[in-house]
Protein backbone atom coordinates (compact mmCIF):
# COMPACT_ATOMS: atom_id res chain seq x y z
CA MET A 1 3.51 56.34 -8.10
CA GLY A 2 0.30 57.86 -9.30
CA GLY A 3 -0.11 55.30 -11.94
CA LEU A 4 -0.01 52.53 -9.42
CA LYS A 5 -2.67 53.97 -7.18
CA LYS A 6 -5.23 51.40 -8.21
CA TYR A 7 -2.98 48.55 -7.00
CA ILE A 8 -2.27 50.27 -3.74
CA ARG A 9 -5.81 51.45 -3.06
CA PRO A 10 -7.13 47.95 -1.81
CA PHE A 11 -4.34 47.87 0.81
CA TYR A 12 -4.90 51.29 2.12
CA GLY A 13 -6.47 50.05 5.35
CA TYR A 14 -3.82 47.30 5.91
CA MET A 15 -0.97 49.87 5.20
CA VAL A 16 -2.50 52.47 7.52
CA PHE A 17 -2.70 49.79 10.46
CA THR A 18 0.83 48.97 9.58
CA MET A 19 1.86 52.49 9.86
CA LEU A 20 -0.09 52.93 13.28
CA ILE A 21 1.88 49.94 14.75
CA LYS A 22 5.11 51.84 13.46
CA LEU A 23 3.88 54.99 15.01
CA LEU A 24 3.27 53.14 18.36
CA GLY A 25 6.87 51.75 18.27
CA ALA A 26 8.29 55.19 17.44
CA VAL A 27 6.30 57.02 20.39
CA VAL A 28 7.47 54.32 22.93
CA GLU A 29 11.00 54.52 21.63
CA LEU A 30 10.85 58.41 22.26
CA MET A 31 9.87 57.67 25.91
CA ILE A 32 13.11 55.86 26.92
CA PRO A 33 15.43 58.81 27.07
CA TYR A 34 12.70 60.81 28.84
CA LEU A 35 12.42 58.12 31.48
CA LEU A 36 16.11 57.86 31.82
CA GLU A 37 16.34 61.86 32.42
CA THR A 38 13.46 61.65 34.94
CA THR A 39 15.31 58.81 36.75
CA LEU A 40 18.59 60.61 36.92
CA ASP A 41 17.39 64.13 37.80
CA HIS A 42 14.41 63.60 39.81
CA ILE A 43 14.29 60.10 41.48
CA VAL A 44 17.89 59.25 42.13
CA PRO A 45 18.45 62.29 44.30
CA THR A 46 15.49 61.11 46.39
CA GLY A 47 17.09 57.77 47.02
CA ARG A 48 13.82 55.87 46.32
CA ARG A 49 14.85 52.49 44.98
CA ASP A 50 11.39 51.36 44.28
CA TRP A 51 10.86 54.28 41.99
CA ILE A 52 14.25 53.69 40.37
CA TRP A 53 13.20 49.99 39.66
CA LEU A 54 9.76 51.25 38.45
CA CYS A 55 11.39 53.61 35.81
CA GLY A 56 13.95 50.93 34.95
CA GLY A 57 11.17 48.35 34.30
CA GLY A 58 9.14 51.00 32.35
CA MET A 59 12.23 51.34 30.18
CA VAL A 60 12.69 47.68 29.47
CA LEU A 61 8.94 47.51 28.77
CA CYS A 62 9.12 50.35 26.28
CA ALA A 63 12.16 48.65 24.59
CA LEU A 64 10.21 45.37 24.15
CA VAL A 65 7.04 47.15 22.90
CA CYS A 66 9.37 49.12 20.40
CA VAL A 67 11.00 45.91 19.09
CA THR A 68 7.82 44.01 18.86
CA ALA A 69 5.90 46.77 17.16
CA ASN A 70 8.76 47.03 14.56
CA ILE A 71 8.97 43.36 13.88
CA ILE A 72 5.20 43.13 13.35
CA ALA A 73 5.12 46.31 11.23
CA ASN A 74 8.00 45.18 9.18
CA ARG A 75 6.48 41.74 8.38
CA MET A 76 3.08 43.38 7.54
CA SER A 77 4.91 46.04 5.15
CA ALA A 78 6.71 43.22 3.47
CA LYS A 79 3.48 41.17 2.89
CA SER A 80 1.60 44.27 1.45
CA ALA A 81 4.36 45.26 -0.66
CA GLY A 82 4.79 41.80 -1.95
CA ASP A 83 0.96 41.36 -2.68
CA ILE A 84 0.90 44.85 -4.60
CA THR A 85 4.05 43.92 -6.57
CA LEU A 86 2.45 40.57 -7.54
CA HIS A 87 -0.56 42.09 -9.00
CA VAL A 88 1.65 44.83 -10.68
CA ARG A 89 3.93 42.21 -12.13
CA HIS A 90 0.89 40.10 -13.35
CA ASP A 91 -0.83 42.94 -14.96
CA LEU A 92 2.62 44.09 -16.55
CA PHE A 93 3.18 40.68 -17.95
CA GLN A 94 -0.31 40.52 -19.30
CA LYS A 95 0.04 43.97 -20.82
CA LEU A 96 3.28 42.90 -22.54
CA GLU A 97 1.62 39.81 -23.91
CA GLY A 98 -1.24 41.86 -25.40
CA LEU A 99 0.94 44.43 -26.91
CA SER A 100 0.93 44.77 -30.70
CA SER A 101 4.15 43.62 -32.42
CA ARG A 102 4.69 47.29 -33.42
CA GLN A 103 4.51 48.40 -29.80
CA LEU A 104 6.96 45.61 -28.76
CA ASP A 105 9.32 46.65 -31.51
CA ARG A 106 9.40 50.25 -29.99
CA LEU A 107 9.72 48.94 -26.46
CA THR A 108 12.33 46.21 -27.32
CA VAL A 109 12.40 42.85 -25.56
CA SER A 110 15.32 43.61 -23.39
CA SER A 111 13.42 46.68 -21.98
CA ALA A 112 10.40 44.55 -21.37
CA VAL A 113 12.34 42.02 -19.36
CA SER A 114 14.17 44.77 -17.43
CA ARG A 115 10.70 46.41 -16.59
CA LEU A 116 9.23 43.18 -15.48
CA THR A 117 12.24 42.18 -13.20
CA SER A 118 14.39 45.06 -11.87
CA ASP A 119 11.78 47.82 -12.14
CA THR A 120 9.13 45.86 -10.34
CA TYR A 121 11.67 44.83 -7.70
CA ASN A 122 12.56 48.65 -7.19
CA VAL A 123 8.73 49.36 -6.76
CA ASN A 124 8.59 46.65 -4.23
CA GLN A 125 11.43 48.12 -2.22
CA LEU A 126 9.85 51.47 -2.38
CA LEU A 127 6.51 50.24 -0.98
CA ALA A 128 8.14 48.11 1.73
CA ARG A 129 10.66 50.61 2.80
CA MET A 130 8.24 53.65 2.77
CA GLN A 131 6.14 51.66 5.09
CA ARG A 132 8.99 50.90 7.52
CA LEU A 133 10.86 54.16 7.35
CA GLY A 134 8.17 56.55 6.22
CA ILE A 135 6.47 56.79 9.59
CA ARG A 136 9.29 55.93 12.03
CA ALA A 137 11.96 58.13 10.76
CA PRO A 138 9.92 61.27 10.50
CA ILE A 139 8.23 60.62 14.12
CA LEU A 140 11.62 60.00 15.66
CA LEU A 141 13.01 63.19 14.07
CA LEU A 142 10.06 65.59 14.82
CA GLY A 143 9.40 63.84 18.22
CA GLY A 144 12.92 64.16 19.19
CA VAL A 145 13.15 67.82 18.34
CA CYS A 146 9.83 68.54 20.23
CA VAL A 147 10.92 66.65 23.40
CA THR A 148 14.35 68.35 23.42
CA LEU A 149 12.64 71.80 23.03
CA SER A 150 10.52 70.99 26.09
CA MET A 151 13.56 69.89 27.98
CA ASP A 152 15.95 72.79 27.32
CA LEU A 153 15.09 75.41 24.59
CA GLY A 154 18.71 76.80 24.39
CA LEU A 155 20.34 73.46 23.73
CA ALA A 156 17.46 72.42 21.32
CA LEU A 157 17.98 75.46 19.13
CA ILE A 158 21.49 74.29 18.34
CA LEU A 159 19.95 70.96 17.05
CA VAL A 160 17.13 72.80 15.17
CA ALA A 161 19.76 74.98 13.41
CA THR A 162 21.33 71.89 11.87
CA LEU A 163 18.17 70.52 10.24
CA PRO A 164 17.80 73.14 7.27
CA VAL A 165 21.57 72.37 6.11
CA ILE A 166 20.68 68.55 6.12
CA ALA A 167 17.27 69.35 4.25
CA LEU A 168 19.06 71.32 1.59
CA VAL A 169 21.71 68.45 1.07
CA VAL A 170 18.91 65.86 0.65
CA PHE A 171 16.94 68.18 -1.72
CA LEU A 172 20.05 68.67 -3.95
CA VAL A 173 21.07 65.01 -3.94
CA THR A 174 17.50 63.91 -4.82
CA LYS A 175 17.24 66.26 -7.69
CA ALA A 176 20.50 65.10 -9.11
CA SER A 177 19.91 61.22 -8.65
CA VAL A 178 16.45 60.83 -10.15
CA PRO A 179 17.56 61.51 -13.86
CA LEU A 180 20.62 59.26 -13.28
CA TYR A 181 18.46 56.51 -11.88
CA THR A 182 16.36 56.55 -15.11
CA LYS A 183 19.47 56.64 -17.20
CA GLU A 184 20.89 53.61 -15.32
CA GLN A 185 17.67 51.60 -16.08
CA SER A 186 18.03 52.39 -19.66
CA ILE A 187 21.52 51.16 -19.70
CA LEU A 188 20.36 47.93 -17.96
CA ASP A 189 17.88 47.49 -20.82
CA HIS A 190 20.87 47.50 -23.23
CA MET A 191 22.79 45.19 -21.08
CA VAL A 192 20.11 42.60 -20.89
CA GLN A 193 19.75 42.88 -24.81
CA VAL A 194 23.56 42.11 -25.25
CA VAL A 195 23.27 39.07 -22.77
CA GLN A 196 20.21 37.74 -24.44
CA GLU A 197 21.85 38.10 -27.88
CA ASN A 198 24.97 36.22 -26.46
CA ILE A 199 23.10 33.37 -24.97
CA THR A 200 20.91 32.81 -28.15
CA GLY A 201 23.67 33.05 -30.52
CA VAL A 202 26.41 31.27 -28.47
CA ARG A 203 27.15 28.73 -31.13
CA VAL A 204 27.41 31.10 -34.00
CA ILE A 205 29.76 33.37 -31.78
CA LYS A 206 32.05 30.32 -31.05
CA ALA A 207 31.75 29.11 -34.63
CA LEU A 208 32.90 32.42 -35.97
CA SER A 209 35.58 32.97 -33.37
CA LYS A 210 33.96 36.13 -32.01
CA SER A 211 34.05 35.49 -28.53
CA ASP A 212 36.65 38.22 -27.66
CA TYR A 213 34.58 40.66 -29.79
CA GLU A 214 31.44 39.67 -27.70
CA LYS A 215 33.53 40.12 -24.52
CA GLU A 216 34.45 43.49 -25.35
CA ARG A 217 30.97 44.48 -26.42
CA PHE A 218 29.60 43.32 -23.05
CA ASN A 219 32.47 45.10 -21.18
CA ARG A 220 31.57 48.42 -22.90
CA VAL A 221 28.02 48.28 -21.81
CA ASN A 222 28.95 46.73 -18.35
CA GLN A 223 31.56 49.60 -18.04
CA GLU A 224 28.89 52.24 -18.90
CA LEU A 225 26.44 50.78 -16.34
CA SER A 226 29.23 50.56 -13.63
CA ASP A 227 30.20 54.30 -14.35
CA THR A 228 26.66 55.53 -14.20
CA ASP A 229 25.99 53.43 -11.07
CA GLN A 230 29.21 54.85 -9.35
CA LYS A 231 28.23 58.31 -10.38
CA VAL A 232 24.65 58.11 -8.94
CA GLY A 233 26.01 56.22 -6.00
CA GLY A 234 28.65 58.85 -5.29
CA ILE A 235 25.96 61.59 -5.37
CA ALA A 236 23.71 59.59 -2.85
CA ALA A 237 26.69 58.82 -0.69
CA ILE A 238 27.15 62.64 0.00
CA THR A 239 23.95 62.56 2.02
CA ASN A 240 24.90 60.37 5.04
CA PRO A 241 28.41 61.71 5.63
CA ALA A 242 26.91 65.38 5.27
CA ALA A 243 23.98 64.66 7.71
CA THR A 244 26.31 62.82 10.15
CA LEU A 245 28.91 65.56 10.12
CA THR A 246 26.37 68.34 10.66
CA LEU A 247 24.55 66.60 13.47
CA ASN A 248 27.73 65.66 15.19
CA LEU A 249 28.92 69.16 15.07
CA GLY A 250 25.73 70.14 16.61
CA LEU A 251 26.13 67.40 19.16
CA THR A 252 29.69 68.82 19.99
CA LEU A 253 28.07 72.22 20.43
CA VAL A 254 25.42 70.80 22.65
CA VAL A 255 27.93 69.03 24.89
CA LEU A 256 30.00 72.11 25.17
CA ALA A 257 27.20 74.40 25.91
CA GLY A 258 25.51 71.90 28.12
CA ALA A 259 28.69 71.71 30.25
CA PHE A 260 28.68 75.37 30.81
CA ARG A 261 24.87 75.28 31.64
CA VAL A 262 25.33 72.46 34.18
CA ASN A 263 28.14 74.31 35.75
CA GLY A 264 26.15 77.37 35.99
CA GLY A 265 23.17 75.36 37.42
CA LEU A 266 21.05 76.30 34.43
CA THR A 267 20.29 72.57 33.49
CA GLN A 268 20.64 69.02 34.95
CA PRO A 269 22.97 66.31 33.95
CA GLY A 270 20.30 64.06 33.16
CA VAL A 271 19.10 66.48 30.45
CA ILE A 272 22.49 66.32 28.89
CA ILE A 273 22.50 62.52 28.84
CA ALA A 274 18.90 62.49 27.45
CA PHE A 275 19.96 65.02 24.78
CA LEU A 276 22.74 62.63 23.79
CA ASN A 277 20.32 59.86 23.43
CA TYR A 278 17.80 62.01 21.37
CA PHE A 279 20.53 63.30 19.27
CA ALA A 280 21.49 59.66 18.41
CA MET A 281 17.82 59.09 17.64
CA ILE A 282 17.53 62.14 15.54
CA LEU A 283 20.72 61.33 13.64
CA ASN A 284 19.62 57.85 12.86
CA ALA A 285 16.12 59.26 11.81
CA MET A 286 17.63 61.85 9.67
CA LEU A 287 19.67 59.19 7.91
CA GLY A 288 16.52 57.14 7.65
CA VAL A 289 14.95 60.24 5.83
CA THR A 290 17.72 60.57 3.37
CA LYS A 291 17.34 56.79 2.82
CA ILE A 292 13.66 57.56 2.15
CA PHE A 293 14.50 60.15 -0.56
CA ILE A 294 17.14 57.80 -2.15
CA ILE A 295 14.83 54.88 -2.23
CA TRP A 296 11.85 57.15 -3.41
CA SER A 297 14.13 58.53 -6.33
CA LYS A 298 15.04 55.03 -7.51
CA GLY A 299 11.44 53.68 -7.04
CA GLN A 300 9.83 56.50 -8.68
CA ALA A 301 12.04 56.12 -11.78
CA SER A 302 11.23 52.48 -12.00
CA ALA A 303 7.51 53.11 -11.31
CA LYS A 304 7.34 55.46 -14.09
CA ARG A 305 8.92 53.08 -16.53
CA VAL A 306 6.33 50.40 -15.33
CA VAL A 307 3.34 52.74 -15.75
CA GLU A 308 4.61 53.73 -19.11
CA VAL A 309 4.03 50.11 -20.29
CA LEU A 310 0.70 49.70 -18.29
CA ASN A 311 -0.67 52.91 -19.87
CA LEU A 312 0.06 51.98 -23.44
CA PRO A 313 -3.18 51.93 -25.56
CA ARG A 314 -4.37 48.72 -27.11
CA GLU A 315 -3.70 49.21 -30.86
CA LEU A 316 -5.28 46.15 -32.36
CA GLU A 317 -8.79 46.84 -31.26
CA VAL A 318 -11.63 44.81 -32.62
CA GLN A 319 -13.47 47.03 -35.08
CA PRO A 320 -17.30 46.67 -36.01
CA HIS A 321 -18.14 44.27 -38.56
CA ALA A 322 -18.40 45.36 -42.15
CA PRO A 323 -19.25 42.89 -45.10
CA GLY A 324 -16.50 42.40 -47.61
CA PRO A 325 -15.73 40.18 -50.54
CA ALA A 326 -17.13 36.67 -50.90
CA ASP A 327 -13.74 35.11 -51.28
CA TYR A 328 -12.43 32.82 -48.58
CA LEU A 329 -9.23 34.80 -48.22
CA ARG A 330 -8.47 38.17 -49.95
CA PHE A 331 -5.71 40.71 -49.56
CA GLN A 332 -7.00 43.94 -51.18
CA ASP A 333 -4.48 46.59 -52.24
CA VAL A 334 -2.52 45.98 -48.97
CA SER A 335 0.53 48.24 -48.31
CA PHE A 336 2.51 48.16 -44.93
CA SER A 337 5.89 49.64 -43.63
CA TYR A 338 7.42 48.56 -40.27
CA ASN A 339 9.30 51.94 -39.98
CA GLY A 340 6.84 54.19 -41.51
CA ILE A 341 9.15 55.29 -44.14
CA VAL A 342 9.72 52.38 -46.80
CA ASN A 343 6.99 50.00 -47.55
CA ASN A 344 7.86 46.44 -46.70
CA VAL A 345 4.75 45.21 -48.79
CA GLU A 346 3.02 47.46 -51.48
CA HIS A 347 -0.20 47.20 -53.34
CA LEU A 348 -0.56 43.50 -52.57
CA SER A 349 -3.76 41.86 -53.96
CA PHE A 350 -4.72 38.25 -54.33
CA SER A 351 -7.45 35.82 -53.39
CA LEU A 352 -7.96 32.27 -52.31
CA SER A 353 -10.60 29.83 -52.23
CA ARG A 354 -11.07 27.48 -49.25
CA GLY A 355 -8.59 24.51 -49.45
CA GLN A 356 -6.34 26.11 -52.03
CA THR A 357 -2.59 26.50 -51.69
CA LEU A 358 -0.73 29.73 -51.95
CA GLY A 359 2.97 29.67 -52.51
CA ILE A 360 5.15 32.87 -51.83
CA LEU A 361 8.54 33.03 -53.32
CA GLY A 362 11.03 35.74 -53.17
CA ALA A 363 14.66 36.78 -51.91
CA THR A 364 15.38 37.38 -48.38
CA GLY A 365 13.73 40.67 -47.28
CA SER A 366 11.12 40.58 -50.03
CA GLY A 367 8.24 40.75 -47.66
CA LYS A 368 7.27 36.89 -47.63
CA SER A 369 7.14 36.86 -43.65
CA THR A 370 5.45 40.29 -43.58
CA VAL A 371 2.50 38.77 -45.42
CA VAL A 372 2.25 36.04 -42.66
CA ASN A 373 2.50 38.74 -40.08
CA LEU A 374 -0.33 40.61 -41.59
CA LEU A 375 -2.52 37.60 -42.00
CA LEU A 376 -2.09 36.65 -38.35
CA ARG A 377 -2.88 40.38 -37.46
CA PHE A 378 0.45 40.86 -35.67
CA TYR A 379 0.40 44.22 -37.51
CA ASP A 380 -2.49 46.12 -39.27
CA PRO A 381 -2.10 47.13 -42.95
CA ASP A 382 -1.30 50.85 -43.38
CA THR A 383 -3.55 50.83 -46.33
CA GLY A 384 -5.88 48.43 -47.82
CA ALA A 385 -7.60 45.36 -46.05
CA ILE A 386 -7.53 41.72 -45.42
CA PHE A 387 -10.70 39.61 -45.46
CA LEU A 388 -11.28 36.19 -44.31
CA GLU A 389 -14.69 34.64 -45.42
CA GLY A 390 -15.95 38.14 -46.21
CA GLN A 391 -15.02 39.41 -42.76
CA ASP A 392 -12.20 42.19 -42.21
CA LEU A 393 -9.60 40.68 -39.89
CA ARG A 394 -9.73 43.89 -37.91
CA SER A 395 -13.38 42.90 -36.92
CA ILE A 396 -12.38 39.49 -35.72
CA PRO A 397 -11.13 39.06 -32.16
CA PRO A 398 -7.43 38.15 -32.20
CA GLU A 399 -8.07 34.92 -30.10
CA ALA A 400 -10.77 33.66 -32.43
CA LEU A 401 -8.77 34.54 -35.51
CA ARG A 402 -5.42 32.81 -34.34
CA ALA A 403 -7.35 29.69 -33.24
CA ARG A 404 -7.98 28.94 -36.86
CA PHE A 405 -4.41 28.84 -37.81
CA GLY A 406 -1.67 26.35 -37.54
CA VAL A 407 1.69 28.22 -37.99
CA VAL A 408 5.38 27.38 -38.37
CA PHE A 409 7.45 30.58 -38.18
CA GLN A 410 10.68 31.18 -39.84
CA ASN A 411 12.45 31.55 -36.43
CA ASP A 412 10.30 29.28 -34.09
CA PHE A 413 11.17 27.76 -30.90
CA LEU A 414 11.05 24.54 -28.90
CA MET A 415 10.88 24.09 -25.09
CA GLU A 416 12.41 21.73 -22.87
CA GLY A 417 10.43 18.65 -22.32
CA THR A 418 9.40 15.67 -24.64
CA VAL A 419 8.51 15.40 -28.23
CA ALA A 420 4.73 15.10 -27.09
CA ASP A 421 4.79 18.04 -24.98
CA ASN A 422 6.25 20.28 -27.72
CA ILE A 423 3.68 18.98 -30.27
CA ARG A 424 0.77 19.41 -27.79
CA TYR A 425 2.03 22.80 -26.37
CA PHE A 426 -0.54 22.83 -23.58
CA ARG A 427 -3.35 22.13 -25.69
CA ASP A 428 -6.05 19.57 -24.89
CA LEU A 429 -5.24 17.28 -27.71
CA PRO A 430 -5.53 13.41 -27.80
CA ARG A 431 -2.46 11.32 -28.22
CA ASP A 432 -3.77 10.07 -31.62
CA ALA A 433 -3.85 13.54 -32.99
CA LEU A 434 -0.20 14.03 -31.82
CA ALA A 435 0.87 10.71 -33.46
CA GLN A 436 -0.91 11.39 -36.78
CA ALA A 437 0.63 14.96 -36.92
CA ALA A 438 4.07 13.49 -36.29
CA HIS A 439 3.51 10.91 -39.01
CA CYS A 440 2.43 13.57 -41.49
CA ALA A 441 5.28 15.84 -40.67
CA GLN A 442 7.74 13.06 -41.49
CA ALA A 443 8.70 12.80 -37.77
CA ASP A 444 7.93 9.20 -37.07
CA PHE A 445 11.52 8.57 -35.80
CA LEU A 446 10.81 11.16 -33.11
CA TRP A 447 7.60 9.46 -32.18
CA GLU A 448 9.11 5.80 -31.90
CA THR A 449 9.14 6.15 -28.08
CA ASP A 450 5.38 7.27 -28.04
CA GLY A 451 6.47 10.97 -28.02
CA SER A 452 8.67 10.48 -24.68
CA HIS A 453 11.91 11.37 -26.46
CA PRO A 454 13.48 14.28 -24.58
CA VAL A 455 13.97 17.73 -26.13
CA ALA A 456 16.50 20.11 -24.76
CA VAL A 457 16.01 23.83 -24.34
CA ARG A 458 15.52 25.38 -27.86
CA GLY A 459 15.81 21.93 -29.24
CA ASN A 460 19.70 22.00 -29.10
CA ASN A 461 19.64 18.16 -29.10
CA LEU A 462 17.97 18.10 -32.47
CA SER A 463 19.22 18.78 -35.94
CA GLY A 464 17.81 21.64 -38.08
CA GLY A 465 15.66 19.27 -40.13
CA GLN A 466 14.29 17.43 -37.07
CA LYS A 467 13.38 20.64 -35.48
CA GLN A 468 11.42 21.80 -38.49
CA ARG A 469 9.47 18.39 -38.68
CA LEU A 470 8.57 18.63 -34.92
CA LEU A 471 7.43 22.43 -35.46
CA ILE A 472 5.35 21.22 -38.49
CA ALA A 473 3.71 18.47 -36.43
CA ARG A 474 2.80 21.14 -33.76
CA ALA A 475 1.05 23.20 -36.38
CA LEU A 476 -0.85 20.19 -37.72
CA ALA A 477 -1.80 18.57 -34.43
CA ALA A 478 -5.12 20.78 -33.93
CA ASN A 479 -6.29 20.06 -37.57
CA PRO A 480 -6.15 23.92 -38.33
CA GLU A 481 -8.41 25.54 -40.90
CA LEU A 482 -5.53 27.61 -42.31
CA LEU A 483 -1.96 26.18 -42.29
CA ILE A 484 1.02 28.63 -42.72
CA LEU A 485 4.52 27.21 -43.22
CA ASP A 486 6.96 30.16 -43.26
CA ASP A 487 10.13 28.62 -44.80
CA ALA A 488 9.39 25.65 -42.71
CA SER A 489 11.06 23.13 -44.99
CA SER A 490 14.40 24.89 -45.74
CA ALA A 491 16.37 22.26 -43.66
CA LEU A 492 14.53 19.41 -45.16
CA ASP A 493 16.20 17.26 -48.00
CA TYR A 494 14.15 17.23 -51.29
CA ARG A 495 12.84 13.69 -50.71
CA THR A 496 11.49 14.58 -47.24
CA ASP A 497 10.10 17.80 -48.40
CA ALA A 498 8.39 15.96 -51.32
CA ALA A 499 6.94 13.37 -48.82
CA LEU A 500 5.59 16.11 -46.59
CA ARG A 501 3.90 17.83 -49.47
CA GLY A 502 2.28 14.60 -50.43
CA ALA A 503 1.08 14.02 -46.87
CA LEU A 504 -0.37 17.53 -46.55
CA ALA A 505 -2.32 17.18 -49.74
CA GLN A 506 -3.78 13.84 -48.73
CA ARG A 507 -4.54 14.34 -44.98
CA TYR A 508 -5.10 18.13 -44.82
CA SER A 509 -6.79 18.78 -48.20
CA SER A 510 -9.51 20.81 -46.61
CA ALA A 511 -7.03 23.21 -45.14
CA THR A 512 -6.10 26.34 -46.88
CA LYS A 513 -2.28 26.38 -47.07
CA ILE A 514 0.13 29.36 -47.31
CA ILE A 515 3.70 28.19 -47.94
CA VAL A 516 6.58 30.59 -47.81
CA ALA A 517 9.75 29.25 -49.33
CA GLN A 518 12.91 29.86 -51.26
CA ARG A 519 12.67 26.70 -53.23
CA VAL A 520 10.53 26.43 -56.26
CA SER A 521 10.13 22.62 -55.72
CA SER A 522 8.16 23.46 -52.60
CA ILE A 523 5.47 25.65 -54.11
CA ARG A 524 5.34 24.49 -57.81
CA HIS A 525 2.18 22.59 -57.16
CA ALA A 526 0.43 25.41 -55.40
CA ASP A 527 -2.81 26.74 -56.79
CA TRP A 528 -1.56 30.27 -56.86
CA ILE A 529 2.11 31.75 -56.62
CA LEU A 530 3.31 35.05 -55.66
CA MET A 531 6.71 36.21 -56.67
CA LEU A 532 7.74 39.07 -54.49
CA ASP A 533 10.73 41.42 -54.77
CA GLU A 534 11.27 44.22 -52.17
CA GLY A 535 7.56 44.02 -51.26
CA ARG A 536 6.28 44.28 -54.67
CA VAL A 537 4.56 41.54 -56.66
CA MET A 538 6.76 40.67 -59.66
CA GLY A 539 4.34 38.11 -60.88
CA GLN A 540 1.55 35.84 -59.79
CA GLY A 541 -0.23 32.77 -61.09
CA THR A 542 0.41 29.13 -61.35
CA HIS A 543 3.90 27.57 -61.84
CA GLU A 544 3.53 27.22 -65.60
CA THR A 545 2.23 30.78 -66.04
CA LEU A 546 4.93 32.29 -64.06
CA LEU A 547 7.54 30.33 -66.09
CA SER A 548 6.26 31.87 -69.23
CA SER A 549 5.48 35.47 -67.82
CA CYS A 550 7.97 36.17 -65.02
CA PRO A 551 11.64 36.19 -65.93
CA ALA A 552 12.80 36.41 -62.24
CA TYR A 553 10.73 33.23 -61.49
CA ARG A 554 12.07 31.45 -64.44
CA GLN A 555 15.60 32.31 -63.53
CA ILE A 556 15.22 30.82 -60.24
CA ALA A 557 13.40 27.75 -61.46
CA GLU A 558 16.25 27.14 -63.91
CA ALA A 559 18.95 27.69 -61.30
CA GLN A 560 17.38 25.31 -58.84
CA MET A 561 15.85 22.62 -61.08
CA GLY A 562 17.54 22.95 -64.26
CA GLU A 563 14.11 23.70 -65.95
CA VAL A 564 14.15 25.74 -69.29
CA THR A 565 10.88 26.61 -70.86
CA ASP A 566 10.41 28.99 -73.80
CA CYS A 567 8.76 32.18 -72.52
CA GLY A 568 7.18 32.59 -75.97
């Protein structure tokens, strides 16, 4: 919990007050058996009914104070734990939003979801339960032992002898359970990943008749999680029976020894009855202490996972400005690798002037989307640099950089709402801009109802082409300075694709465009074309230049368009 101290520190006073109320309730609860013993051994023999009523009323008052104090303290602990968890979850979400793509790749989305949900819940339970049990259980335990020692030293020593046995059991159980709780959370990460993949790809799974395979895949991870949970639960379950057995054996010995002592006139019957009550308190307190260790083990494992994310360094820091080339956009000998082993882009160099169009063509996995990721600074190049208007991208704040872009990703998303909602996407844009963007994106049919046409989750009620046109409209709505279309027209027919390119050239002529495509027809009119293969530039230039100088480009053009040109 050390990494969460800054979240707990503002609530120190509030939590101390909560624990003081808990302390009051525990101390008052300890007085009830003592008053009972006093009544039985010292007041009843005198026949003073007024004193009997007085002690009885005192016991009732103590019970009321105890209940009231516990209720108030429990509500206060729930509030402070909830407020602390609220701030932790907020900062954790903000941290996840600010992670670089490389950090998120290492963390995995499923683990991020698990840490944001189940781990923060475990932290909440730790904070709340520690305030409830962390004071009450130890006070009842220690207080009960001290009071019994003052009543009858011989009987109390029997009780004290049982405590080291229970402490040893708790220590061994805690030591064994903490690693298992950490492992359980890791398996839960994997389970979340499997569920996410199944929900996202449910149509593909059904189309390929792989439902049984996916069920078996889920069953495997579910079984692994169940086995681990049973194992850690089995270890934790040892504590309560062991503590109960040990204390009840001690209680049996107290009753036997007490009977002989009462018979010998060494102690009073009221002491034995009080001992039975204190033993019950001590037993419950000891079980509470064992719960504290179990909750602490689970909460500590989750807190460690949360702190790991909160302490991740910010990778994409803004660097000092250094003047660069005068070109509007330049990639200068850029190389990059996702895994640090094989380059996904290697020695990439090109430049664009403002308003020009760059076309990127290549097979799947050739590095086309990687160029987009680098340009948006989702990743930093391993070597080389990227300049925008003579400024290294690493010296531009990410928010300021990305505000200049309009982007359609290869795997983009649509949210539940209306067409207008999806085009606007929480930006302050006038409806005229939305309508113009929809018209340019060839999505007039979606705007016929003034943008009120409903869109289902992930756009499931739209066709592939309709989704792409709606996403293109979203990218165009803010009149971007740079427009990136990453395979954004793959689901469009040739006629619509041509109309889209014509509208972009007419209405957004000042925007610098980067079009990633697998169709030559989508980029043939670009000012500059890159032909990529496994991250390397196979050729670059205009359409006519590549037809004569790049056999791979010519081969694709001939296959797609039936165009044959003498390479000379």
